[in-house]
Amino acid sequence: MKEKINNFLSLLRERRKIQVINPNSFEEKFSLSLSRAGYILSLLFIVLFIGFLSYLTISYTSLRKFIPGYPDIDRADEIIKKDIKNQQLIAELTEEMNSRDKWIKNLKNILSESDSILITDLEELQTLDSNYKKNIFERIPEDSILREKVENFGKEEAKDELSGILKEKNFVNPINGSITRNQSQGFWGVNIETDSAEAIRSPMEGSVFDIQGGTIIIYHTESVLTKYKNCAAIQVKIGEQLSRGKRIAQVQNDELHFELWYKGKSIDPKTILKE
């Protein structure tokens, strides 16, 4: 074994000479004498040097774009900028959707005999901002008087406009019966007594805005809303388009509560319903 190692080392130390000779005069132009080990080390150095040059060329020139799978820095920056812009758009859309949800919730509260500002909203404000915790939200007599003036402002004008619209759209009574009670505290509404399971019909064209339990709200043309309570056997769904006289439900407990709204104002239905 030792002899084989010595022979291998001797083979590596054996020198070889490379000559470059002029073919015409046979004059020696260049010569290089190296051992076999020297040739191997020289070849290894050349390979490493070429590899290093290739790395520098690919890393710091535009050639890197032609290598499959190599990351495009410019493209990555563009994607990051687009992602930031998309996140901003999502935040804006989310804020807008929250505002719309609040508007719809307030509208439902108004139509369901509630205030547009809920106590839960005030509690949420108190949680988010400590300055609100020092405030006590209570109604005073002056507030009730101002609220009544605001609610009554423009109702007569609104009623005249609404009469013209209902006449043009051939408004019909939603149900046959007699008015037993006319409510006027904060908003207008009437109770209509009729036969059991009497059909409730859409007084004119519109679409179903909301259904909550036995309550139906229909949106008609030009900001006209009608509201029906004590409904049973409801035959429509939210978003459904309704024609004039379309059956929407039937009366429950022989009495229907009916409200009429125009441009956010409650209108006395008794002035509109036909005897």
C-alpha atoms as a PDB file:
ATOM      1  CA  MET A   1       0.000   0.000   0.000  1.00  0.00           C
ATOM      2  CA  LYS A   2       2.871   2.341   0.884  1.00  0.00           C
ATOM      3  CA  GLU A   3       4.502   1.545  -2.415  1.00  0.00           C
ATOM      4  CA  LYS A   4       1.364   2.493  -4.334  1.00  0.00           C
ATOM      5  CA  ILE A   5       1.217   5.836  -2.528  1.00  0.00           C
ATOM      6  CA  ASN A   6       4.862   6.543  -3.355  1.00  0.00           C
ATOM      7  CA  ASN A   7       4.263   5.690  -7.005  1.00  0.00           C
ATOM      8  CA  PHE A   8       1.239   8.032  -7.113  1.00  0.00           C
ATOM      9  CA  LEU A   9       3.235  10.899  -5.572  1.00  0.00           C
ATOM     10  CA  SER A  10       6.074  10.293  -8.004  1.00  0.00           C
ATOM     11  CA  LEU A  11       3.579  10.447 -10.856  1.00  0.00           C
ATOM     12  CA  LEU A  12       2.286  13.805  -9.606  1.00  0.00           C
ATOM     13  CA  ARG A  13       5.850  15.184  -9.302  1.00  0.00           C
ATOM     14  CA  GLU A  14       6.716  14.090 -12.817  1.00  0.00           C
ATOM     15  CA  ARG A  15       7.186  17.234 -14.917  1.00  0.00           C
ATOM     16  CA  ARG A  16       5.876  17.930 -18.389  1.00  0.00           C
ATOM     17  CA  LYS A  17       6.890  20.710 -20.725  1.00  0.00           C
ATOM     18  CA  ILE A  18       4.621  22.676 -23.042  1.00  0.00           C
ATOM     19  CA  GLN A  19       6.357  24.424 -25.970  1.00  0.00           C
ATOM     20  CA  VAL A  20       5.148  26.866 -28.594  1.00  0.00           C
ATOM     21  CA  ILE A  21       7.408  26.617 -31.725  1.00  0.00           C
ATOM     22  CA  ASN A  22       7.467  28.621 -34.952  1.00  0.00           C
ATOM     23  CA  PRO A  23       6.526  26.049 -37.656  1.00  0.00           C
ATOM     24  CA  ASN A  24       8.810  27.637 -40.234  1.00  0.00           C
ATOM     25  CA  SER A  25      12.000  28.180 -38.258  1.00  0.00           C
ATOM     26  CA  PHE A  26      11.298  25.731 -35.435  1.00  0.00           C
ATOM     27  CA  GLU A  27      12.290  28.518 -33.067  1.00  0.00           C
ATOM     28  CA  GLU A  28      10.886  28.144 -29.550  1.00  0.00           C
ATOM     29  CA  LYS A  29       8.472  30.995 -28.767  1.00  0.00           C
ATOM     30  CA  PHE A  30       7.139  29.888 -25.405  1.00  0.00           C
ATOM     31  CA  SER A  31       7.647  27.019 -23.030  1.00  0.00           C
ATOM     32  CA  LEU A  32       6.137  25.979 -19.749  1.00  0.00           C
ATOM     33  CA  SER A  33       7.320  23.168 -17.541  1.00  0.00           C
ATOM     34  CA  LEU A  34       5.015  21.993 -14.787  1.00  0.00           C
ATOM     35  CA  SER A  35       4.420  18.861 -12.832  1.00  0.00           C
ATOM     36  CA  ARG A  36       1.173  17.026 -13.178  1.00  0.00           C
ATOM     37  CA  ALA A  37       0.083  18.430  -9.819  1.00  0.00           C
ATOM     38  CA  GLY A  38       0.839  21.922 -11.121  1.00  0.00           C
ATOM     39  CA  TYR A  39      -1.297  21.317 -14.201  1.00  0.00           C
ATOM     40  CA  ILE A  40      -4.198  20.174 -12.011  1.00  0.00           C
ATOM     41  CA  LEU A  41      -3.926  23.213  -9.704  1.00  0.00           C
ATOM     42  CA  SER A  42      -3.630  25.585 -12.676  1.00  0.00           C
ATOM     43  CA  LEU A  43      -6.719  24.083 -14.302  1.00  0.00           C
ATOM     44  CA  LEU A  44      -8.649  24.337 -11.018  1.00  0.00           C
ATOM     45  CA  PHE A  45      -7.655  28.009 -10.641  1.00  0.00           C
ATOM     46  CA  ILE A  46      -8.780  28.786 -14.193  1.00  0.00           C
ATOM     47  CA  VAL A  47     -12.179  27.122 -13.587  1.00  0.00           C
ATOM     48  CA  LEU A  48     -12.700  29.042 -10.335  1.00  0.00           C
ATOM     49  CA  PHE A  49     -11.678  32.332 -11.972  1.00  0.00           C
ATOM     50  CA  ILE A  50     -14.065  31.829 -14.880  1.00  0.00           C
ATOM     51  CA  GLY A  51     -16.845  30.927 -12.442  1.00  0.00           C
ATOM     52  CA  PHE A  52     -16.196  34.083 -10.394  1.00  0.00           C
ATOM     53  CA  LEU A  53     -16.279  36.265 -13.506  1.00  0.00           C
ATOM     54  CA  SER A  54     -19.553  34.622 -14.585  1.00  0.00           C
ATOM     55  CA  TYR A  55     -21.070  35.310 -11.168  1.00  0.00           C
ATOM     56  CA  LEU A  56     -20.112  39.002 -11.324  1.00  0.00           C
ATOM     57  CA  THR A  57     -21.423  39.321 -14.874  1.00  0.00           C
ATOM     58  CA  ILE A  58     -24.769  37.728 -14.039  1.00  0.00           C
ATOM     59  CA  SER A  59     -25.247  39.537 -10.711  1.00  0.00           C
ATOM     60  CA  TYR A  60     -24.456  43.077 -11.808  1.00  0.00           C
ATOM     61  CA  THR A  61     -25.571  43.208 -15.428  1.00  0.00           C
ATOM     62  CA  SER A  62     -28.893  42.827 -17.260  1.00  0.00           C
ATOM     63  CA  LEU A  63     -27.992  39.244 -18.194  1.00  0.00           C
ATOM     64  CA  ARG A  64     -29.579  38.042 -14.948  1.00  0.00           C
ATOM     65  CA  LYS A  65     -33.029  38.710 -16.441  1.00  0.00           C
ATOM     66  CA  PHE A  66     -32.496  35.870 -18.928  1.00  0.00           C
ATOM     67  CA  ILE A  67     -31.846  33.236 -16.246  1.00  0.00           C
ATOM     68  CA  PRO A  68     -34.998  31.166 -15.507  1.00  0.00           C
ATOM     69  CA  GLY A  69     -36.145  31.577 -11.920  1.00  0.00           C
ATOM     70  CA  TYR A  70     -33.886  34.545 -11.139  1.00  0.00           C
ATOM     71  CA  PRO A  71     -35.869  37.174  -9.175  1.00  0.00           C
ATOM     72  CA  ASP A  72     -36.682  40.388 -11.038  1.00  0.00           C
ATOM     73  CA  ILE A  73     -36.022  43.210  -8.547  1.00  0.00           C
ATOM     74  CA  ASP A  74     -37.841  45.827 -10.621  1.00  0.00           C
ATOM     75  CA  ARG A  75     -40.851  43.549 -10.959  1.00  0.00           C
ATOM     76  CA  ALA A  76     -40.799  42.817  -7.228  1.00  0.00           C
ATOM     77  CA  ASP A  77     -40.811  46.557  -6.423  1.00  0.00           C
ATOM     78  CA  GLU A  78     -43.737  47.063  -8.787  1.00  0.00           C
ATOM     79  CA  ILE A  79     -45.692  44.253  -7.120  1.00  0.00           C
ATOM     80  CA  ILE A  80     -45.019  45.731  -3.651  1.00  0.00           C
ATOM     81  CA  LYS A  81     -46.235  49.175  -4.774  1.00  0.00           C
ATOM     82  CA  LYS A  82     -49.391  47.658  -6.276  1.00  0.00           C
ATOM     83  CA  ASP A  83     -50.014  45.687  -3.080  1.00  0.00           C
ATOM     84  CA  ILE A  84     -49.740  48.852  -0.966  1.00  0.00           C
ATOM     85  CA  LYS A  85     -52.142  50.652  -3.312  1.00  0.00           C
ATOM     86  CA  ASN A  86     -54.594  47.736  -3.168  1.00  0.00           C
ATOM     87  CA  GLN A  87     -54.454  47.731   0.638  1.00  0.00           C
ATOM     88  CA  GLN A  88     -55.310  51.445   0.648  1.00  0.00           C
ATOM     89  CA  LEU A  89     -58.229  50.854  -1.732  1.00  0.00           C
ATOM     90  CA  ILE A  90     -59.495  48.001   0.452  1.00  0.00           C
ATOM     91  CA  ALA A  91     -59.340  50.260   3.523  1.00  0.00           C
ATOM     92  CA  GLU A  92     -61.279  53.007   1.705  1.00  0.00           C
ATOM     93  CA  LEU A  93     -63.899  50.537   0.452  1.00  0.00           C
ATOM     94  CA  THR A  94     -64.241  49.037   3.933  1.00  0.00           C
ATOM     95  CA  GLU A  95     -64.810  52.499   5.415  1.00  0.00           C
ATOM     96  CA  GLU A  96     -67.379  53.302   2.723  1.00  0.00           C
ATOM     97  CA  MET A  97     -69.206  49.988   3.297  1.00  0.00           C
ATOM     98  CA  ASN A  98     -69.295  50.652   7.056  1.00  0.00           C
ATOM     99  CA  SER A  99     -70.792  54.086   6.383  1.00  0.00           C
ATOM    100  CA  ARG A 100     -73.436  52.574   4.107  1.00  0.00           C
ATOM    101  CA  ASP A 101     -74.254  49.909   6.677  1.00  0.00           C
ATOM    102  CA  LYS A 102     -74.660  52.636   9.296  1.00  0.00           C
ATOM    103  CA  TRP A 103     -76.967  54.585   6.963  1.00  0.00           C
ATOM    104  CA  ILE A 104     -79.115  51.523   6.270  1.00  0.00           C
ATOM    105  CA  LYS A 105     -79.252  50.661   9.981  1.00  0.00           C
ATOM    106  CA  ASN A 106     -80.323  54.201  10.843  1.00  0.00           C
ATOM    107  CA  LEU A 107     -83.016  54.093   8.163  1.00  0.00           C
ATOM    108  CA  LYS A 108     -84.336  50.814   9.575  1.00  0.00           C
ATOM    109  CA  ASN A 109     -84.311  52.303  13.077  1.00  0.00           C
ATOM    110  CA  ILE A 110     -86.360  55.289  11.922  1.00  0.00           C
ATOM    111  CA  LEU A 111     -88.883  53.046  10.213  1.00  0.00           C
ATOM    112  CA  SER A 112     -89.095  50.721  13.223  1.00  0.00           C
ATOM    113  CA  GLU A 113     -89.962  53.524  15.672  1.00  0.00           C
ATOM    114  CA  SER A 114     -86.423  53.786  17.061  1.00  0.00           C
ATOM    115  CA  ASP A 115     -83.914  56.624  17.215  1.00  0.00           C
ATOM    116  CA  SER A 116     -81.316  56.889  14.441  1.00  0.00           C
ATOM    117  CA  ILE A 117     -78.535  57.078  17.079  1.00  0.00           C
ATOM    118  CA  LEU A 118     -78.341  53.946  19.222  1.00  0.00           C
ATOM    119  CA  ILE A 119     -77.082  53.705  22.785  1.00  0.00           C
ATOM    120  CA  THR A 120     -74.721  50.955  21.628  1.00  0.00           C
ATOM    121  CA  ASP A 121     -73.138  53.434  19.195  1.00  0.00           C
ATOM    122  CA  LEU A 122     -72.572  55.896  22.048  1.00  0.00           C
ATOM    123  CA  GLU A 123     -71.060  53.170  24.218  1.00  0.00           C
ATOM    124  CA  GLU A 124     -68.741  52.269  21.336  1.00  0.00           C
ATOM    125  CA  LEU A 125     -67.638  55.917  21.083  1.00  0.00           C
ATOM    126  CA  GLN A 126     -66.969  55.972  24.811  1.00  0.00           C
ATOM    127  CA  THR A 127     -64.801  52.868  24.462  1.00  0.00           C
ATOM    128  CA  LEU A 128     -62.791  54.320  21.570  1.00  0.00           C
ATOM    129  CA  ASP A 129     -62.362  57.831  22.975  1.00  0.00           C
ATOM    130  CA  SER A 130     -61.915  58.471  26.680  1.00  0.00           C
ATOM    131  CA  ASN A 131     -63.097  62.086  26.274  1.00  0.00           C
ATOM    132  CA  TYR A 132     -66.644  60.802  25.706  1.00  0.00           C
ATOM    133  CA  LYS A 133     -66.740  59.048  29.072  1.00  0.00           C
ATOM    134  CA  LYS A 134     -67.209  62.377  30.833  1.00  0.00           C
ATOM    135  CA  ASN A 135     -70.359  63.157  28.837  1.00  0.00           C
ATOM    136  CA  ILE A 136     -73.848  62.104  29.920  1.00  0.00           C
ATOM    137  CA  PHE A 137     -76.213  61.545  26.994  1.00  0.00           C
ATOM    138  CA  GLU A 138     -79.675  62.449  28.256  1.00  0.00           C
ATOM    139  CA  ARG A 139     -82.610  64.122  26.553  1.00  0.00           C
ATOM    140  CA  ILE A 140     -83.740  67.461  27.877  1.00  0.00           C
ATOM    141  CA  PRO A 141     -87.108  69.187  27.219  1.00  0.00           C
ATOM    142  CA  GLU A 142     -85.496  71.636  24.801  1.00  0.00           C
ATOM    143  CA  ASP A 143     -84.168  68.699  22.782  1.00  0.00           C
ATOM    144  CA  SER A 144     -87.643  67.174  22.496  1.00  0.00           C
ATOM    145  CA  ILE A 145     -89.111  70.500  21.331  1.00  0.00           C
ATOM    146  CA  LEU A 146     -86.365  70.948  18.737  1.00  0.00           C
ATOM    147  CA  ARG A 147     -86.815  67.370  17.581  1.00  0.00           C
ATOM    148  CA  GLU A 148     -90.552  67.940  17.086  1.00  0.00           C
ATOM    149  CA  LYS A 149     -89.902  71.115  15.069  1.00  0.00           C
ATOM    150  CA  VAL A 150     -87.378  69.343  12.855  1.00  0.00           C
ATOM    151  CA  GLU A 151     -89.743  66.419  12.255  1.00  0.00           C
ATOM    152  CA  ASN A 152     -92.626  68.730  11.316  1.00  0.00           C
ATOM    153  CA  PHE A 153     -90.496  70.972   9.110  1.00  0.00           C
ATOM    154  CA  GLY A 154     -91.507  70.651   5.486  1.00  0.00           C
ATOM    155  CA  LYS A 155     -94.123  67.948   6.069  1.00  0.00           C
ATOM    156  CA  GLU A 156     -96.899  69.895   4.403  1.00  0.00           C
ATOM    157  CA  GLU A 157     -94.766  70.531   1.319  1.00  0.00           C
ATOM    158  CA  ALA A 158     -93.722  66.886   1.266  1.00  0.00           C
ATOM    159  CA  LYS A 159     -97.351  65.764   1.541  1.00  0.00           C
ATOM    160  CA  ASP A 160     -98.353  67.926  -1.453  1.00  0.00           C
ATOM    161  CA  GLU A 161     -95.488  66.521  -3.556  1.00  0.00           C
ATOM    162  CA  LEU A 162     -96.361  62.980  -2.507  1.00  0.00           C
ATOM    163  CA  SER A 163    -100.021  63.415  -3.439  1.00  0.00           C
ATOM    164  CA  GLY A 164     -99.014  64.273  -6.992  1.00  0.00           C
ATOM    165  CA  ILE A 165     -96.719  61.249  -7.228  1.00  0.00           C
ATOM    166  CA  LEU A 166     -99.326  58.824  -5.851  1.00  0.00           C
ATOM    167  CA  LYS A 167    -101.961  60.182  -8.221  1.00  0.00           C
ATOM    168  CA  GLU A 168     -99.610  59.750 -11.166  1.00  0.00           C
ATOM    169  CA  LYS A 169     -98.746  56.166 -10.131  1.00  0.00           C
ATOM    170  CA  ASN A 170    -102.435  55.228  -9.517  1.00  0.00           C
ATOM    171  CA  PHE A 171    -101.971  54.520  -5.807  1.00  0.00           C
ATOM    172  CA  VAL A 172    -104.467  52.005  -4.382  1.00  0.00           C
ATOM    173  CA  ASN A 173    -105.187  50.991  -0.804  1.00  0.00           C
ATOM    174  CA  PRO A 174    -102.994  48.085   0.293  1.00  0.00           C
ATOM    175  CA  ILE A 175    -105.983  46.432   1.953  1.00  0.00           C
ATOM    176  CA  ASN A 176    -109.712  46.809   2.363  1.00  0.00           C
ATOM    177  CA  GLY A 177    -110.851  47.784   5.839  1.00  0.00           C
ATOM    178  CA  SER A 178    -111.588  50.613   8.260  1.00  0.00           C
ATOM    179  CA  ILE A 179    -109.069  52.755  10.139  1.00  0.00           C
ATOM    180  CA  THR A 180    -109.335  52.115  13.896  1.00  0.00           C
ATOM    181  CA  ARG A 181    -106.406  54.187  15.175  1.00  0.00           C
ATOM    182  CA  ASN A 182    -104.298  57.034  13.799  1.00  0.00           C
ATOM    183  CA  GLN A 183    -100.875  57.268  15.484  1.00  0.00           C
ATOM    184  CA  SER A 184     -99.070  60.634  15.462  1.00  0.00           C
ATOM    185  CA  GLN A 185     -96.477  60.437  18.239  1.00  0.00           C
ATOM    186  CA  GLY A 186     -93.102  61.066  16.571  1.00  0.00           C
ATOM    187  CA  PHE A 187     -94.301  59.555  13.291  1.00  0.00           C
ATOM    188  CA  TRP A 188     -97.549  58.795  11.515  1.00  0.00           C
ATOM    189  CA  GLY A 189     -99.202  55.424  11.148  1.00  0.00           C
ATOM    190  CA  VAL A 190    -102.642  53.864  10.987  1.00  0.00           C
ATOM    191  CA  ASN A 191    -104.170  50.587  12.086  1.00  0.00           C
ATOM    192  CA  ILE A 192    -106.602  49.117   9.560  1.00  0.00           C
ATOM    193  CA  GLU A 193    -109.139  46.563  10.793  1.00  0.00           C
ATOM    194  CA  THR A 194    -110.118  43.953   8.229  1.00  0.00           C
ATOM    195  CA  ASP A 195    -111.193  40.350   7.809  1.00  0.00           C
ATOM    196  CA  SER A 196    -108.970  37.519   8.973  1.00  0.00           C
ATOM    197  CA  ALA A 197    -106.287  36.472   6.452  1.00  0.00           C
ATOM    198  CA  GLU A 198    -107.202  39.393   4.153  1.00  0.00           C
ATOM    199  CA  ALA A 199    -104.653  39.819   1.331  1.00  0.00           C
ATOM    200  CA  ILE A 200    -102.158  42.705   1.568  1.00  0.00           C
ATOM    201  CA  ARG A 201    -101.210  44.147  -1.835  1.00  0.00           C
ATOM    202  CA  SER A 202     -98.555  46.552  -3.073  1.00  0.00           C
ATOM    203  CA  PRO A 203    -100.279  49.962  -3.580  1.00  0.00           C
ATOM    204  CA  MET A 204     -98.049  50.704  -6.604  1.00  0.00           C
ATOM    205  CA  GLU A 205     -94.895  49.495  -8.321  1.00  0.00           C
ATOM    206  CA  GLY A 206     -91.815  49.033  -6.162  1.00  0.00           C
ATOM    207  CA  SER A 207     -89.295  46.590  -4.724  1.00  0.00           C
ATOM    208  CA  VAL A 208     -89.038  44.842  -1.354  1.00  0.00           C
ATOM    209  CA  PHE A 209     -86.532  46.806   0.737  1.00  0.00           C
ATOM    210  CA  ASP A 210     -86.573  44.772   3.960  1.00  0.00           C
ATOM    211  CA  ILE A 211     -88.402  41.978   5.773  1.00  0.00           C
ATOM    212  CA  GLN A 212     -88.112  41.609   9.560  1.00  0.00           C
ATOM    213  CA  GLY A 213     -90.393  39.030  11.173  1.00  0.00           C
ATOM    214  CA  GLY A 214     -93.940  40.142  10.350  1.00  0.00           C
ATOM    215  CA  THR A 215     -92.856  43.561   9.016  1.00  0.00           C
ATOM    216  CA  ILE A 216     -92.389  44.379   5.318  1.00  0.00           C
ATOM    217  CA  ILE A 217     -90.886  47.586   3.875  1.00  0.00           C
ATOM    218  CA  ILE A 218     -91.347  48.416   0.184  1.00  0.00           C
ATOM    219  CA  TYR A 219     -89.380  51.071  -1.691  1.00  0.00           C
ATOM    220  CA  HIS A 220     -91.375  52.772  -4.443  1.00  0.00           C
ATOM    221  CA  THR A 221     -90.390  55.375  -6.984  1.00  0.00           C
ATOM    222  CA  GLU A 222     -88.988  58.807  -6.032  1.00  0.00           C
ATOM    223  CA  SER A 223     -88.074  58.114  -2.379  1.00  0.00           C
ATOM    224  CA  VAL A 224     -91.478  56.724  -1.345  1.00  0.00           C
ATOM    225  CA  LEU A 225     -91.482  53.973   1.316  1.00  0.00           C
ATOM    226  CA  THR A 226     -94.431  52.010   2.664  1.00  0.00           C
ATOM    227  CA  LYS A 227     -94.290  49.864   5.795  1.00  0.00           C
ATOM    228  CA  TYR A 228     -96.609  46.999   6.823  1.00  0.00           C
ATOM    229  CA  LYS A 229     -96.761  45.365  10.281  1.00  0.00           C
ATOM    230  CA  ASN A 230     -98.660  42.280  11.497  1.00  0.00           C
ATOM    231  CA  CYS A 231     -98.051  40.361   8.258  1.00  0.00           C
ATOM    232  CA  ALA A 232     -98.376  36.604   7.906  1.00  0.00           C
ATOM    233  CA  ALA A 233     -97.855  34.130   5.053  1.00  0.00           C
ATOM    234  CA  ILE A 234     -95.346  36.488   3.411  1.00  0.00           C
ATOM    235  CA  GLN A 235     -95.070  35.721  -0.315  1.00  0.00           C
ATOM    236  CA  VAL A 236     -92.206  38.046  -1.353  1.00  0.00           C
ATOM    237  CA  LYS A 237     -88.486  38.286  -0.656  1.00  0.00           C
ATOM    238  CA  ILE A 238     -85.991  41.110  -0.298  1.00  0.00           C
ATOM    239  CA  GLY A 239     -85.098  42.691  -3.650  1.00  0.00           C
ATOM    240  CA  GLU A 240     -88.140  41.333  -5.469  1.00  0.00           C
ATOM    241  CA  GLN A 241     -89.739  43.711  -7.980  1.00  0.00           C
ATOM    242  CA  LEU A 242     -93.454  44.282  -7.373  1.00  0.00           C
ATOM    243  CA  SER A 243     -96.194  45.384  -9.699  1.00  0.00           C
ATOM    244  CA  ARG A 244     -99.195  47.470  -8.619  1.00  0.00           C
ATOM    245  CA  GLY A 245    -101.692  45.230  -6.801  1.00  0.00           C
ATOM    246  CA  LYS A 246     -99.191  42.385  -6.292  1.00  0.00           C
ATOM    247  CA  ARG A 247    -100.092  40.235  -3.249  1.00  0.00           C
ATOM    248  CA  ILE A 248     -97.283  40.384  -0.675  1.00  0.00           C
ATOM    249  CA  ALA A 249     -98.796  38.762   2.450  1.00  0.00           C
ATOM    250  CA  GLN A 250    -101.962  38.386   4.487  1.00  0.00           C
ATOM    251  CA  VAL A 251    -103.179  40.108   7.637  1.00  0.00           C
ATOM    252  CA  GLN A 252    -102.448  38.613  11.025  1.00  0.00           C
ATOM    253  CA  ASN A 253    -104.892  39.083  13.945  1.00  0.00           C
ATOM    254  CA  ASP A 254    -107.414  40.992  11.795  1.00  0.00           C
ATOM    255  CA  GLU A 255    -105.445  44.271  11.884  1.00  0.00           C
ATOM    256  CA  LEU A 256    -102.713  45.819   9.709  1.00  0.00           C
ATOM    257  CA  HIS A 257    -100.416  48.645  10.791  1.00  0.00           C
ATOM    258  CA  PHE A 258     -99.538  50.833   7.785  1.00  0.00           C
ATOM    259  CA  GLU A 259     -97.002  53.676   7.470  1.00  0.00           C
ATOM    260  CA  LEU A 260     -96.086  55.990   4.589  1.00  0.00           C
ATOM    261  CA  TRP A 261     -92.700  57.745   4.265  1.00  0.00           C
ATOM    262  CA  TYR A 262     -91.499  60.278   1.701  1.00  0.00           C
ATOM    263  CA  LYS A 263     -87.916  61.618   1.530  1.00  0.00           C
ATOM    264  CA  GLY A 264     -87.275  60.481   5.102  1.00  0.00           C
ATOM    265  CA  LYS A 265     -90.415  62.164   6.477  1.00  0.00           C
ATOM    266  CA  SER A 266     -93.405  60.364   7.960  1.00  0.00           C
ATOM    267  CA  ILE A 267     -96.676  61.232   6.172  1.00  0.00           C
ATOM    268  CA  ASP A 268    -100.135  60.701   7.661  1.00  0.00           C
ATOM    269  CA  PRO A 269    -101.533  57.748   5.680  1.00  0.00           C
ATOM    270  CA  LYS A 270    -105.108  58.751   6.551  1.00  0.00           C
ATOM    271  CA  THR A 271    -104.818  61.727   4.161  1.00  0.00           C
ATOM    272  CA  ILE A 272    -103.815  59.389   1.333  1.00  0.00           C
ATOM    273  CA  LEU A 273    -105.909  56.248   1.830  1.00  0.00           C
ATOM    274  CA  LYS A 274    -109.165  56.140  -0.076  1.00  0.00           C
ATOM    275  CA  GLU A 275    -112.387  55.586   1.861  1.00  0.00           C
END
